[in-house]
Amino acid sequence: MDATLTFLGSGTSMGVPTLGCTCAVCTSAYLPGSRNRRTRPSVLISYNDHNVLIDTGPDFHAQAIRERLNQVDAVLYTHSHADHILGMDDLRPLSFRTPEGINLYADDETAQTIERVFEYTFRTIDRYPTSARVHMHRTSTAAGTVIPLFGADFIRIPVTHGRNTIAGYRFGSAAYLTDMSDIPAESLPLLKDLDLLILDALRREPHPSHSHLANSIALVEKIAPKRAFFTHISHDLDHETTNAELPKNMQLAHDGMKLRFNIFPQTTDSKA
């Protein structure tokens, strides 16, 4: 199936412009149409008349308005950090549109945090009547775990995020690996024959829990997708200047960027 991936946000946890910063990148981000304007990271995958989100950050409401998003069918979560979960409550009006509600998928640790933060949504007694109609599904942390959704398979790709191991996802010919400092050896076979690879590239200098630009370029060269785009970008990287330095098959992503690719079921050993 043909599919479209939209970058709802391509920024770091503090966003760009970063509050209180007057650097050249942050200053330029206030200008209309600036590709240095980066909201918190999330992507939308659209195919077969369905919309699947990966993460709902604190900017989700504004991102959904920008994209005129009026339907969400499922949400996959990578991990429980604030910049990836805090927009969950903004699913409320979209969840009212379908009697069955919206299915959320997360590993146990991430699910526990979401259920704690949004306790009023998941309680079964004295539940507020207009709480989001969502259903949490706990998924295995095993590499290659499959979440089948609407005729396509979303495959868990474990990635290293500092001291933690979190979820990246492969779906058809594309993979989304945000918030990673490295890729474990067990995950590399799951990234073969990619058309589209999206991965973390926070800044130029090394960081304890995020990949920096040189490391991300090296990972792309190792995995060898046809195209690669970097996300979770801080104010250290100017969009146009950095893109001019990158190899032809690599670019910085930007908010609102749309990419076409193929999505399909894949044969693997485990299910969610």
Protein backbone atom coordinates (compact mmCIF):
# COMPACT_ATOMS: atom_id res chain seq x y z
CA MET A 1 0.00 0.00 0.00
CA ASP A 2 1.07 3.55 -0.60
CA ALA A 3 1.55 5.45 2.65
CA THR A 4 2.47 8.98 3.73
CA LEU A 5 4.57 9.85 6.75
CA THR A 6 4.12 13.36 8.12
CA PHE A 7 6.50 14.89 10.64
CA LEU A 8 4.14 16.43 13.18
CA GLY A 9 7.21 17.61 15.07
CA SER A 10 10.96 17.32 14.51
CA GLY A 11 12.35 19.07 17.59
CA THR A 12 13.98 18.18 20.84
CA SER A 13 12.25 18.00 24.23
CA MET A 14 12.54 21.79 24.72
CA GLY A 15 11.45 22.65 21.19
CA VAL A 16 12.92 25.30 18.90
CA PRO A 17 12.92 28.19 19.57
CA THR A 18 14.07 27.22 23.03
CA LEU A 19 12.51 29.47 25.64
CA GLY A 20 14.85 32.27 26.72
CA CYS A 21 17.40 31.58 23.96
CA THR A 22 18.49 34.29 21.53
CA CYS A 23 20.85 32.22 19.36
CA ALA A 24 20.66 32.61 15.58
CA VAL A 25 18.66 29.40 15.08
CA CYS A 26 16.12 30.24 17.79
CA THR A 27 15.77 33.81 16.54
CA SER A 28 15.19 32.64 12.97
CA ALA A 29 12.60 30.13 14.19
CA TYR A 30 10.20 33.00 14.96
CA LEU A 31 10.09 34.00 11.29
CA PRO A 32 7.06 32.80 9.25
CA GLY A 33 7.81 29.58 7.38
CA SER A 34 11.14 28.98 9.10
CA ARG A 35 12.19 25.34 9.00
CA ASN A 36 14.08 25.96 12.22
CA ARG A 37 10.72 26.05 14.02
CA ARG A 38 10.62 22.59 15.61
CA THR A 39 7.86 21.28 17.83
CA ARG A 40 8.16 18.17 19.96
CA PRO A 41 8.79 14.93 18.03
CA SER A 42 6.00 12.80 16.59
CA VAL A 43 5.00 11.32 13.23
CA LEU A 44 1.73 10.48 11.54
CA ILE A 45 1.50 7.47 9.20
CA SER A 46 -1.49 7.58 6.84
CA TYR A 47 -2.54 4.66 4.63
CA ASN A 48 -5.64 2.77 3.54
CA ASP A 49 -7.89 5.54 4.98
CA HIS A 50 -6.33 5.12 8.43
CA ASN A 51 -4.10 7.34 10.56
CA VAL A 52 -1.56 5.92 13.02
CA LEU A 53 0.43 8.18 15.34
CA ILE A 54 3.78 7.47 16.90
CA ASP A 55 3.76 9.44 20.19
CA THR A 56 1.57 12.33 21.29
CA GLY A 57 3.80 15.12 22.58
CA PRO A 58 2.77 18.33 24.35
CA ASP A 59 2.41 20.13 20.98
CA PHE A 60 -0.04 17.57 19.57
CA HIS A 61 -3.05 19.90 19.60
CA ALA A 62 -1.28 22.56 17.54
CA GLN A 63 0.23 19.93 15.24
CA ALA A 64 -3.17 18.35 14.59
CA ILE A 65 -4.69 21.76 13.84
CA ARG A 66 -1.86 22.53 11.41
CA GLU A 67 -2.39 19.23 9.58
CA ARG A 68 -6.22 19.44 9.81
CA LEU A 69 -6.16 16.02 11.41
CA ASN A 70 -9.69 14.84 12.19
CA GLN A 71 -9.17 11.09 12.58
CA VAL A 72 -6.75 8.99 14.62
CA ASP A 73 -7.14 5.22 14.57
CA ALA A 74 -4.23 4.09 16.79
CA VAL A 75 -1.23 5.44 18.69
CA LEU A 76 2.10 3.68 19.22
CA TYR A 77 4.34 4.95 22.01
CA THR A 78 8.13 4.81 22.01
CA HIS A 79 8.67 5.59 25.72
CA SER A 80 7.28 7.57 28.62
CA HIS A 81 9.21 10.85 28.56
CA ALA A 82 7.10 14.01 28.73
CA ASP A 83 7.82 15.16 25.18
CA HIS A 84 6.32 11.91 23.87
CA ILE A 85 3.18 11.36 25.98
CA LEU A 86 1.80 14.64 27.33
CA GLY A 87 -0.53 15.29 24.40
CA MET A 88 -2.51 12.10 24.99
CA ASP A 89 -5.43 14.00 26.52
CA ASP A 90 -5.82 15.96 23.27
CA LEU A 91 -7.03 12.74 21.65
CA ARG A 92 -10.35 13.27 23.49
CA PRO A 93 -12.44 14.93 20.74
CA LEU A 94 -11.01 12.58 18.11
CA SER A 95 -11.85 9.57 20.29
CA PHE A 96 -15.50 10.65 20.49
CA ARG A 97 -15.84 10.17 16.74
CA THR A 98 -15.71 6.37 16.94
CA PRO A 99 -17.81 4.23 19.32
CA GLU A 100 -14.90 1.84 19.90
CA GLY A 101 -12.45 4.63 20.80
CA ILE A 102 -8.73 4.74 20.00
CA ASN A 103 -6.29 1.91 20.72
CA LEU A 104 -2.97 2.81 22.35
CA TYR A 105 0.06 0.50 22.23
CA ALA A 106 2.96 0.69 24.68
CA ASP A 107 5.29 -1.56 26.65
CA ASP A 108 4.42 -2.09 30.30
CA GLU A 109 6.71 0.61 31.72
CA THR A 110 5.41 3.23 29.30
CA ALA A 111 1.80 2.14 29.79
CA GLN A 112 2.13 2.43 33.58
CA THR A 113 3.40 6.00 33.30
CA ILE A 114 0.64 7.04 30.89
CA GLU A 115 -2.00 5.47 33.14
CA ARG A 116 -0.56 7.24 36.18
CA VAL A 117 -0.28 10.67 34.53
CA PHE A 118 -3.77 10.38 33.01
CA GLU A 119 -5.35 8.44 35.88
CA TYR A 120 -8.68 10.20 35.37
CA THR A 121 -8.85 8.73 31.84
CA PHE A 122 -8.20 5.11 32.79
CA ARG A 123 -10.09 4.81 36.08
CA THR A 124 -13.14 2.55 36.03
CA ILE A 125 -14.97 4.13 39.00
CA ASP A 126 -16.20 7.73 39.04
CA ARG A 127 -14.85 8.26 35.54
CA TYR A 128 -15.41 11.69 34.02
CA PRO A 129 -17.90 11.23 31.14
CA THR A 130 -15.89 13.18 28.56
CA SER A 131 -12.54 11.52 29.26
CA ALA A 132 -10.73 10.24 26.20
CA ARG A 133 -12.14 6.97 24.93
CA VAL A 134 -8.86 5.12 24.66
CA HIS A 135 -7.82 1.53 25.32
CA MET A 136 -4.30 0.65 26.42
CA HIS A 137 -2.69 -2.46 24.95
CA ARG A 138 0.55 -3.64 26.54
CA THR A 139 3.14 -4.90 24.08
CA SER A 140 6.18 -7.11 24.45
CA THR A 141 9.61 -5.51 24.58
CA ALA A 142 11.12 -8.28 22.44
CA ALA A 143 12.86 -7.23 19.24
CA GLY A 144 10.65 -8.00 16.26
CA THR A 145 7.37 -7.86 18.18
CA VAL A 146 4.60 -7.20 15.65
CA ILE A 147 1.61 -4.92 16.11
CA PRO A 148 -0.76 -5.55 13.16
CA LEU A 149 -2.82 -2.47 12.27
CA PHE A 150 -5.19 -2.03 9.34
CA GLY A 151 -3.39 -4.32 6.93
CA ALA A 152 0.17 -3.37 7.89
CA ASP A 153 2.64 -4.57 10.53
CA PHE A 154 4.43 -2.26 12.94
CA ILE A 155 7.55 -4.01 14.23
CA ARG A 156 9.27 -3.07 17.47
CA ILE A 157 12.92 -2.09 16.96
CA PRO A 158 14.68 -1.74 20.33
CA VAL A 159 17.05 1.24 20.48
CA THR A 160 19.37 2.52 23.20
CA HIS A 161 18.33 5.80 24.81
CA GLY A 162 21.12 6.52 27.29
CA ARG A 163 20.63 4.01 30.11
CA ASN A 164 17.28 2.84 28.78
CA THR A 165 16.09 0.65 25.94
CA ILE A 166 13.00 2.04 24.22
CA ALA A 167 10.92 1.31 21.12
CA GLY A 168 11.61 2.31 17.58
CA TYR A 169 9.29 0.99 14.89
CA ARG A 170 9.58 -0.41 11.40
CA PHE A 171 6.51 -0.29 9.15
CA GLY A 172 6.84 -1.57 5.61
CA SER A 173 9.83 0.02 3.90
CA ALA A 174 10.26 2.73 6.59
CA ALA A 175 11.60 2.88 10.14
CA TYR A 176 11.31 5.57 12.84
CA LEU A 177 14.01 5.61 15.52
CA THR A 178 13.64 8.72 17.63
CA ASP A 179 15.40 9.30 20.97
CA MET A 180 18.27 6.92 20.40
CA SER A 181 21.95 7.08 21.23
CA ASP A 182 22.77 3.75 19.59
CA ILE A 183 21.18 0.75 17.90
CA PRO A 184 21.73 -2.67 19.54
CA ALA A 185 23.13 -5.47 17.40
CA GLU A 186 19.86 -7.44 17.72
CA SER A 187 17.97 -4.63 16.00
CA LEU A 188 20.17 -4.26 12.92
CA PRO A 189 18.75 -7.30 11.03
CA LEU A 190 15.28 -5.74 11.38
CA LEU A 191 16.47 -2.67 9.46
CA LYS A 192 17.52 -4.33 6.23
CA ASP A 193 16.30 -3.15 2.83
CA LEU A 194 14.82 0.14 3.98
CA ASP A 195 13.65 2.82 1.62
CA LEU A 196 13.22 5.35 4.41
CA LEU A 197 15.10 5.62 7.74
CA ILE A 198 14.35 8.32 10.30
CA LEU A 199 16.62 8.65 13.28
CA ASP A 200 17.72 10.96 16.07
CA ALA A 201 20.37 13.62 15.41
CA LEU A 202 20.23 16.03 18.32
CA ARG A 203 23.28 18.23 17.74
CA ARG A 204 26.91 18.22 16.64
CA GLU A 205 28.44 17.44 20.03
CA PRO A 206 28.03 13.98 21.62
CA HIS A 207 25.19 13.59 24.12
CA PRO A 208 24.69 10.84 26.75
CA SER A 209 21.24 9.76 25.56
CA HIS A 210 20.85 11.02 21.99
CA SER A 211 22.75 10.43 18.77
CA HIS A 212 24.77 13.36 17.48
CA LEU A 213 25.07 14.29 13.82
CA ALA A 214 28.32 12.46 12.96
CA ASN A 215 27.13 9.29 14.71
CA SER A 216 23.79 9.42 12.90
CA ILE A 217 25.52 9.80 9.53
CA ALA A 218 27.67 6.76 10.36
CA LEU A 219 24.59 4.73 11.31
CA VAL A 220 22.90 5.62 8.03
CA GLU A 221 25.99 4.52 6.12
CA LYS A 222 25.99 1.24 8.07
CA ILE A 223 22.27 0.48 7.60
CA ALA A 224 22.27 1.76 4.00
CA PRO A 225 18.67 2.87 3.43
CA LYS A 226 17.82 4.64 0.19
CA ARG A 227 16.82 7.80 2.07
CA ALA A 228 17.44 9.06 5.61
CA PHE A 229 16.01 11.96 7.56
CA PHE A 230 17.10 13.22 10.96
CA THR A 231 14.72 14.30 13.73
CA HIS A 232 14.70 15.29 17.43
CA ILE A 233 16.84 18.26 16.41
CA SER A 234 17.99 20.96 18.84
CA HIS A 235 18.83 24.59 18.18
CA ASP A 236 22.46 23.62 17.53
CA LEU A 237 21.64 22.71 13.91
CA ASP A 238 20.49 25.31 11.39
CA HIS A 239 18.24 23.66 8.80
CA GLU A 240 19.65 25.06 5.55
CA THR A 241 23.30 25.16 6.62
CA THR A 242 23.27 21.58 7.91
CA ASN A 243 21.43 20.18 4.90
CA ALA A 244 24.04 21.74 2.60
CA GLU A 245 26.71 19.71 4.42
CA LEU A 246 24.92 16.35 4.38
CA PRO A 247 25.30 13.56 1.81
CA LYS A 248 22.65 13.62 -0.93
CA ASN A 249 20.55 10.82 0.57
CA MET A 250 20.37 12.46 4.04
CA GLN A 251 18.47 15.53 5.23
CA LEU A 252 17.19 17.16 8.37
CA ALA A 253 13.44 16.70 8.68
CA HIS A 254 11.20 19.68 9.37
CA ASP A 255 7.75 20.10 10.86
CA GLY A 256 5.06 19.34 8.29
CA MET A 257 7.39 17.44 5.94
CA LYS A 258 5.59 14.61 4.11
CA LEU A 259 7.28 11.51 2.71
CA ARG A 260 5.79 8.76 0.55
CA PHE A 261 6.71 5.10 1.02
CA ASN A 262 5.27 1.58 0.84
CA ILE A 263 3.71 -0.13 3.86
CA PHE A 264 2.79 -3.82 4.07
CA PRO A 265 2.56 -6.86 6.36
CA GLN A 266 5.85 -8.56 7.21
CA THR A 267 6.53 -12.09 8.41
CA THR A 268 8.15 -12.16 11.87
CA ASP A 269 8.23 -14.53 14.81
CA SER A 270 6.34 -12.71 17.59
CA LYS A 271 3.14 -10.76 18.06
CA ALA A 272 2.28 -7.95 20.45
